[in-house]
Amino acid sequence: MKLLMMGARDDERIFAEKWAQENNVELEITSDFLNAETLHLVAGKDGLALQQTMALPIEMYQQLADLGIKQIATRSAGYDMYDLEAATAAGLIITNVPEYSPNAIAEFAVTSALASVRQLNKIQNNMAKQDYRWAKDMISPELRSMTIGIIGTGRIGRITAQILKGFGANIIAYDLYQNEEAKTFLTYKASVEDVVKEADLISIHMPATKDNHHLFNDQLFSLMKDGSYLVNTARGVIVDTAALIRALDSGKLAGAALDTYENEMPYVTKDFVGKEVTDPIFKELVAREDVIFTPHIAFYTHTAVENLVAGGLNAVYDVITTNDSPNRVN
């Protein structure tokens, strides 16, 4: 069995090599992403594990099938970069890694919430300027005094809610599919609108779909409490970033913590030291004192990386040996 792992980072290699040895599988590892120029690398391989940052061209699904590939395993929970209909039409099974370390992202979401509410950007900037005063605008609420809204109560959302509950916060939530266990530590509301009207801080934990593109827009921000906070460790396209900036400028939002941005692909995971960033919104998010902006790094722990690598490669193995996988998404 010959497998190809593409888009591999250096930190993934040790876990991939360990998996290949334990499973007696020949594994070729490359940092190249799959595109028209690298498609030839797939020839002669039995399976494919990807970490795509850009969507595949529609015609590539059939091209992969013509090369004998039966599946694409993405080393991520999200799979919005793949066209499931095109994959199915080409006879390809798409798999993800639905649970690799929900704690990693949940912990980062809570860390980001604390950093935003306690204005760590402003404090650190003042320290760098040797301004050590306790400015009146630095005084902050405590989490235990806040109502926190969780949008999406899957694995990550539930763990985030449990951690925040430990601070003594009142937790409310919305999810189309309510979780019975979650009802022991949070209160479900009938709609996203009902949650944002009551919450002092919103934390987003839903996958990106066609239905929730720019869910957080001018209209939804207008329903939020004045001086509230937004945390997004999910997908950037769920938030209309221009509307978010308007909400910050108006004072509707006191702060935002974003680990993802809808147009992040040209920049995230790349070194731009000494290079020009041409996206004005990206530049503003980085520069703003009321925004904690991080490069889609919430997942990045030793445990998560190992589980993503093993989960992706296990799914490849499953499809090749059984023609299916528990982690199939199409």
Protein backbone atom coordinates (compact mmCIF):
# COMPACT_ATOMS: atom_id res chain seq x y z
CA MET A 1 0.00 0.00 0.00
CA LYS A 2 1.41 3.36 -1.06
CA LEU A 3 -0.05 6.53 0.43
CA LEU A 4 0.69 10.20 -0.25
CA MET A 5 0.51 12.83 2.48
CA MET A 6 0.45 16.37 1.04
CA GLY A 7 0.66 19.80 2.62
CA ALA A 8 2.72 18.29 5.44
CA ARG A 9 4.36 20.56 7.97
CA ASP A 10 7.62 19.69 9.69
CA ASP A 11 5.82 19.13 12.99
CA GLU A 12 3.59 16.49 11.36
CA ARG A 13 6.39 14.39 9.89
CA ILE A 14 7.47 12.62 13.08
CA PHE A 15 3.90 11.47 13.74
CA ALA A 16 3.35 10.46 10.10
CA GLU A 17 6.55 8.41 10.02
CA LYS A 18 5.58 6.75 13.30
CA TRP A 19 2.14 5.86 11.88
CA ALA A 20 3.64 4.44 8.68
CA GLN A 21 6.05 2.24 10.63
CA GLU A 22 3.37 0.96 13.00
CA ASN A 23 1.00 0.15 10.13
CA ASN A 24 3.64 -1.23 7.73
CA VAL A 25 2.59 1.24 5.03
CA GLU A 26 4.76 2.99 2.44
CA LEU A 27 4.11 6.70 2.96
CA GLU A 28 5.42 9.52 0.79
CA ILE A 29 5.37 12.87 2.58
CA THR A 30 5.55 16.24 0.83
CA SER A 31 5.00 19.83 1.88
CA ASP A 32 3.46 20.54 -1.53
CA PHE A 33 -0.27 21.18 -1.66
CA LEU A 34 -2.44 19.47 -4.24
CA ASN A 35 -2.97 21.57 -7.36
CA ALA A 36 -2.61 21.26 -11.13
CA GLU A 37 1.19 21.47 -10.89
CA THR A 38 1.50 18.74 -8.24
CA LEU A 39 -1.22 16.38 -9.46
CA HIS A 40 1.43 14.15 -11.06
CA LEU A 41 2.67 13.20 -7.56
CA VAL A 42 -0.56 11.26 -7.03
CA ALA A 43 0.19 8.78 -9.83
CA GLY A 44 0.91 5.30 -8.51
CA LYS A 45 -0.49 6.02 -5.04
CA ASP A 46 -3.35 4.13 -3.42
CA GLY A 47 -4.55 6.86 -1.07
CA LEU A 48 -4.34 10.54 -0.33
CA ALA A 49 -4.18 12.58 2.89
CA LEU A 50 -4.43 16.33 2.39
CA GLN A 51 -4.26 19.55 4.36
CA GLN A 52 -5.68 22.02 1.85
CA THR A 53 -5.87 25.76 2.40
CA MET A 54 -7.42 26.43 -1.01
CA ALA A 55 -10.38 24.74 -2.67
CA LEU A 56 -9.64 22.10 -5.29
CA PRO A 57 -10.66 22.85 -8.89
CA ILE A 58 -13.87 21.03 -9.75
CA GLU A 59 -12.22 19.04 -12.55
CA MET A 60 -9.58 17.67 -10.19
CA TYR A 61 -11.98 15.26 -8.49
CA GLN A 62 -12.44 13.29 -11.70
CA GLN A 63 -8.73 13.58 -12.45
CA LEU A 64 -7.97 11.95 -9.11
CA ALA A 65 -10.47 9.18 -9.81
CA ASP A 66 -8.86 8.60 -13.20
CA LEU A 67 -5.55 8.10 -11.37
CA GLY A 68 -7.13 5.33 -9.29
CA ILE A 69 -7.75 7.36 -6.13
CA LYS A 70 -10.89 6.38 -4.21
CA GLN A 71 -10.80 8.92 -1.40
CA ILE A 72 -9.51 12.20 0.00
CA ALA A 73 -8.74 12.34 3.72
CA THR A 74 -8.49 15.86 5.06
CA ARG A 75 -6.41 16.32 8.19
CA SER A 76 -8.91 18.71 9.74
CA ALA A 77 -12.39 18.76 11.20
CA GLY A 78 -13.58 21.33 8.68
CA TYR A 79 -14.10 20.23 5.09
CA ASP A 80 -15.64 23.33 3.51
CA MET A 81 -12.68 23.54 1.10
CA TYR A 82 -13.96 20.43 -0.70
CA ASP A 83 -16.90 20.18 -3.10
CA LEU A 84 -18.77 17.15 -1.78
CA GLU A 85 -21.09 16.91 -4.78
CA ALA A 86 -18.19 16.91 -7.23
CA ALA A 87 -16.35 14.34 -5.12
CA THR A 88 -19.38 12.06 -4.96
CA ALA A 89 -19.96 12.39 -8.70
CA ALA A 90 -16.37 11.26 -9.26
CA GLY A 91 -16.80 8.34 -6.87
CA LEU A 92 -14.49 9.77 -4.21
CA ILE A 93 -15.09 9.38 -0.49
CA ILE A 94 -14.21 12.47 1.55
CA THR A 95 -13.28 11.98 5.21
CA ASN A 96 -12.38 14.37 8.00
CA VAL A 97 -11.03 14.10 11.54
CA PRO A 98 -14.07 15.18 13.56
CA GLU A 99 -12.45 14.92 16.98
CA TYR A 100 -8.70 15.40 17.32
CA SER A 101 -8.54 17.54 20.46
CA PRO A 102 -11.60 19.66 21.13
CA ASN A 103 -9.91 20.75 24.35
CA ALA A 104 -7.17 22.51 22.38
CA ILE A 105 -9.60 24.84 20.62
CA ALA A 106 -11.88 25.22 23.64
CA GLU A 107 -8.96 26.25 25.85
CA PHE A 108 -7.81 28.74 23.22
CA ALA A 109 -11.32 30.18 22.91
CA VAL A 110 -11.49 30.76 26.66
CA THR A 111 -7.97 32.21 26.69
CA SER A 112 -8.97 34.56 23.87
CA ALA A 113 -12.15 35.57 25.68
CA LEU A 114 -10.18 36.43 28.81
CA ALA A 115 -7.57 38.36 26.82
CA SER A 116 -10.28 40.37 25.09
CA VAL A 117 -12.37 41.12 28.17
CA ARG A 118 -9.31 42.01 30.28
CA GLN A 119 -7.89 44.13 27.43
CA LEU A 120 -4.48 42.49 27.36
CA ASN A 121 -3.63 44.11 24.02
CA LYS A 122 -4.07 47.57 25.51
CA ILE A 123 -2.20 46.70 28.70
CA GLN A 124 0.75 45.22 26.81
CA ASN A 125 0.87 48.17 24.40
CA ASN A 126 0.93 50.60 27.31
CA MET A 127 3.66 48.60 29.01
CA ALA A 128 5.75 48.76 25.84
CA LYS A 129 5.35 52.56 25.89
CA GLN A 130 6.35 52.62 29.59
CA ASP A 131 2.87 53.81 30.55
CA TYR A 132 2.17 51.88 33.74
CA ARG A 133 -0.95 53.72 34.87
CA TRP A 134 -4.28 52.08 35.69
CA ALA A 135 -6.36 53.88 33.09
CA LYS A 136 -10.09 54.10 33.77
CA ASP A 137 -10.90 52.46 30.46
CA MET A 138 -8.91 49.38 31.50
CA ILE A 139 -11.37 48.34 34.19
CA SER A 140 -13.08 45.13 33.13
CA PRO A 141 -15.96 42.85 34.09
CA GLU A 142 -15.36 39.42 35.57
CA LEU A 143 -16.45 36.34 33.65
CA ARG A 144 -18.58 35.20 36.57
CA SER A 145 -20.70 38.33 36.17
CA MET A 146 -21.30 37.71 32.46
CA THR A 147 -23.84 35.84 30.37
CA ILE A 148 -21.90 34.00 27.69
CA GLY A 149 -23.52 32.73 24.50
CA ILE A 150 -22.22 29.61 22.78
CA ILE A 151 -23.19 29.31 19.11
CA GLY A 152 -22.81 25.63 18.26
CA THR A 153 -22.71 22.97 20.98
CA GLY A 154 -20.71 20.25 19.28
CA ARG A 155 -17.67 18.82 21.05
CA ILE A 156 -15.70 22.07 21.05
CA GLY A 157 -18.64 24.26 21.98
CA ARG A 158 -19.63 22.01 24.88
CA ILE A 159 -16.12 21.92 26.35
CA THR A 160 -15.83 25.69 25.98
CA ALA A 161 -19.13 26.08 27.81
CA GLN A 162 -18.01 23.75 30.61
CA ILE A 163 -14.76 25.66 31.12
CA LEU A 164 -16.57 28.99 31.19
CA LYS A 165 -19.15 27.56 33.58
CA GLY A 166 -16.24 26.85 35.91
CA PHE A 167 -15.62 30.60 36.09
CA GLY A 168 -19.17 31.02 37.32
CA ALA A 169 -20.56 32.50 34.10
CA ASN A 170 -24.18 32.07 33.05
CA ILE A 171 -24.10 30.01 29.83
CA ILE A 172 -26.75 30.19 27.13
CA ALA A 173 -26.52 28.56 23.71
CA TYR A 174 -28.03 27.86 20.34
CA ASP A 175 -27.67 24.76 18.21
CA LEU A 176 -30.08 23.30 15.69
CA TYR A 177 -29.51 19.94 17.38
CA GLN A 178 -29.65 20.29 21.16
CA ASN A 179 -27.40 18.06 23.26
CA GLU A 180 -29.04 16.49 26.31
CA GLU A 181 -25.82 16.36 28.34
CA ALA A 182 -25.16 20.04 27.62
CA LYS A 183 -28.49 20.97 29.19
CA THR A 184 -26.95 20.19 32.59
CA PHE A 185 -24.60 23.19 32.34
CA LEU A 186 -26.22 25.58 29.84
CA THR A 187 -29.60 26.86 28.74
CA TYR A 188 -30.64 26.54 25.11
CA LYS A 189 -32.40 29.42 23.39
CA ALA A 190 -34.74 29.18 20.42
CA SER A 191 -32.56 31.13 17.98
CA VAL A 192 -29.19 32.75 17.44
CA GLU A 193 -30.96 36.10 17.74
CA ASP A 194 -32.25 35.20 21.20
CA VAL A 195 -28.71 34.34 22.32
CA VAL A 196 -27.03 37.50 21.02
CA LYS A 197 -29.68 39.73 22.60
CA GLU A 198 -28.91 38.35 26.07
CA ALA A 199 -25.19 37.60 25.95
CA ASP A 200 -22.34 39.81 27.09
CA LEU A 201 -19.92 37.65 25.12
CA ILE A 202 -20.49 35.35 22.14
CA SER A 203 -18.23 32.42 21.26
CA ILE A 204 -18.74 30.82 17.84
CA HIS A 205 -18.30 27.05 17.49
CA MET A 206 -20.23 26.06 14.37
CA PRO A 207 -18.98 24.64 11.06
CA ALA A 208 -19.18 26.82 7.96
CA THR A 209 -22.10 26.06 5.66
CA LYS A 210 -23.82 27.82 2.79
CA ASP A 211 -26.58 28.79 5.20
CA ASN A 212 -24.40 30.57 7.79
CA HIS A 213 -22.12 32.56 5.48
CA HIS A 214 -21.89 36.04 7.08
CA LEU A 215 -24.37 34.99 9.75
CA PHE A 216 -22.82 37.68 11.93
CA ASN A 217 -23.64 40.73 9.84
CA ASP A 218 -24.77 44.29 10.51
CA GLN A 219 -28.28 43.13 11.39
CA LEU A 220 -27.15 40.51 13.91
CA PHE A 221 -24.55 42.82 15.46
CA SER A 222 -27.28 45.42 15.93
CA LEU A 223 -29.12 43.00 18.22
CA MET A 224 -26.13 42.51 20.53
CA LYS A 225 -25.70 44.38 23.78
CA ASP A 226 -23.69 47.57 23.64
CA GLY A 227 -20.13 46.87 24.76
CA SER A 228 -20.31 43.11 24.22
CA TYR A 229 -17.57 40.79 22.94
CA LEU A 230 -17.19 38.29 20.09
CA VAL A 231 -14.85 35.28 19.97
CA ASN A 232 -14.48 33.26 16.76
CA THR A 233 -12.31 30.15 16.72
CA ALA A 234 -14.51 28.43 14.12
CA ARG A 235 -14.58 29.65 10.51
CA GLY A 236 -13.93 33.17 9.24
CA VAL A 237 -16.73 33.19 6.67
CA ILE A 238 -19.33 33.03 9.44
CA VAL A 239 -18.50 36.66 10.28
CA ASP A 240 -18.86 39.62 7.92
CA THR A 241 -15.57 41.23 8.91
CA ALA A 242 -16.45 44.67 7.55
CA ALA A 243 -19.61 44.59 9.67
CA LEU A 244 -17.56 43.49 12.68
CA ILE A 245 -15.27 46.49 12.27
CA ARG A 246 -18.29 48.79 12.08
CA ALA A 247 -19.62 47.22 15.28
CA LEU A 248 -16.29 47.87 17.00
CA ASP A 249 -16.15 51.45 15.75
CA SER A 250 -19.67 52.16 16.99
CA GLY A 251 -19.06 50.68 20.44
CA LYS A 252 -21.61 47.93 19.87
CA LEU A 253 -18.65 45.58 20.41
CA ALA A 254 -16.08 46.39 23.07
CA GLY A 255 -13.69 43.81 21.67
CA ALA A 256 -13.25 40.78 19.45
CA ALA A 257 -10.94 37.77 19.49
CA LEU A 258 -10.51 36.18 16.08
CA ASP A 259 -8.46 33.09 15.30
CA THR A 260 -9.86 33.02 11.79
CA TYR A 261 -10.67 35.55 9.08
CA GLU A 262 -12.73 35.05 5.93
CA ASN A 263 -9.87 36.07 3.59
CA GLU A 264 -6.97 34.60 5.57
CA MET A 265 -5.69 32.15 2.96
CA PRO A 266 -3.02 34.40 1.36
CA TYR A 267 -1.43 35.02 4.75
CA VAL A 268 -2.05 32.34 7.37
CA THR A 269 0.86 29.88 7.83
CA LYS A 270 3.09 32.12 5.67
CA ASP A 271 6.05 34.33 6.64
CA PHE A 272 5.34 37.95 5.68
CA VAL A 273 8.26 39.51 7.53
CA GLY A 274 9.50 42.34 5.31
CA LYS A 275 6.67 41.79 2.83
CA GLU A 276 3.63 43.94 2.11
CA VAL A 277 0.21 42.89 3.35
CA THR A 278 -2.19 44.27 0.76
CA ASP A 279 -5.50 43.33 2.42
CA PRO A 280 -6.62 46.50 4.27
CA ILE A 281 -9.03 44.62 6.55
CA PHE A 282 -6.36 42.09 7.54
CA LYS A 283 -3.98 44.96 8.32
CA GLU A 284 -6.61 46.72 10.41
CA LEU A 285 -7.41 43.60 12.43
CA VAL A 286 -3.72 43.15 13.24
CA ALA A 287 -3.32 46.81 14.22
CA ARG A 288 -6.46 47.29 16.30
CA GLU A 289 -6.01 47.35 20.06
CA ASP A 290 -9.55 46.04 20.60
CA VAL A 291 -8.97 42.93 18.47
CA ILE A 292 -7.03 39.81 19.50
CA PHE A 293 -6.10 38.43 16.06
CA THR A 294 -4.29 35.09 15.78
CA PRO A 295 -3.33 32.98 12.71
CA HIS A 296 -5.82 30.07 12.88
CA ILE A 297 -3.66 28.47 15.54
CA ALA A 298 -6.23 27.50 18.20
CA PHE A 299 -5.84 23.78 17.46
CA TYR A 300 -2.04 23.79 17.64
CA THR A 301 -1.02 21.45 20.45
CA HIS A 302 1.12 18.29 20.44
CA THR A 303 -1.92 16.13 21.08
CA ALA A 304 -3.98 17.73 18.33
CA VAL A 305 -1.27 17.46 15.67
CA GLU A 306 -0.63 13.78 16.42
CA ASN A 307 -4.34 13.00 16.39
CA LEU A 308 -4.91 14.90 13.13
CA VAL A 309 -2.13 13.01 11.38
CA ALA A 310 -3.20 9.61 12.70
CA GLY A 311 -6.89 10.34 12.14
CA GLY A 312 -6.36 11.37 8.54
CA LEU A 313 -4.14 8.42 7.70
CA ASN A 314 -6.42 5.96 9.50
CA ALA A 315 -9.29 7.18 7.33
CA VAL A 316 -7.24 6.58 4.18
CA TYR A 317 -6.47 3.06 5.38
CA ASP A 318 -10.14 2.41 6.21
CA VAL A 319 -11.39 3.40 2.77
CA ILE A 320 -8.74 1.39 0.94
CA THR A 321 -9.32 -1.75 3.02
CA THR A 322 -13.09 -1.56 3.64
CA ASN A 323 -14.40 0.89 1.01
CA ASP A 324 -15.77 3.16 3.73
CA SER A 325 -14.87 5.09 6.89
CA PRO A 326 -16.71 6.15 10.05
CA ASN A 327 -15.48 9.67 9.28
CA ARG A 328 -17.03 9.88 5.82
CA VAL A 329 -18.70 13.24 5.16
CA ASN A 330 -20.25 12.68 1.70
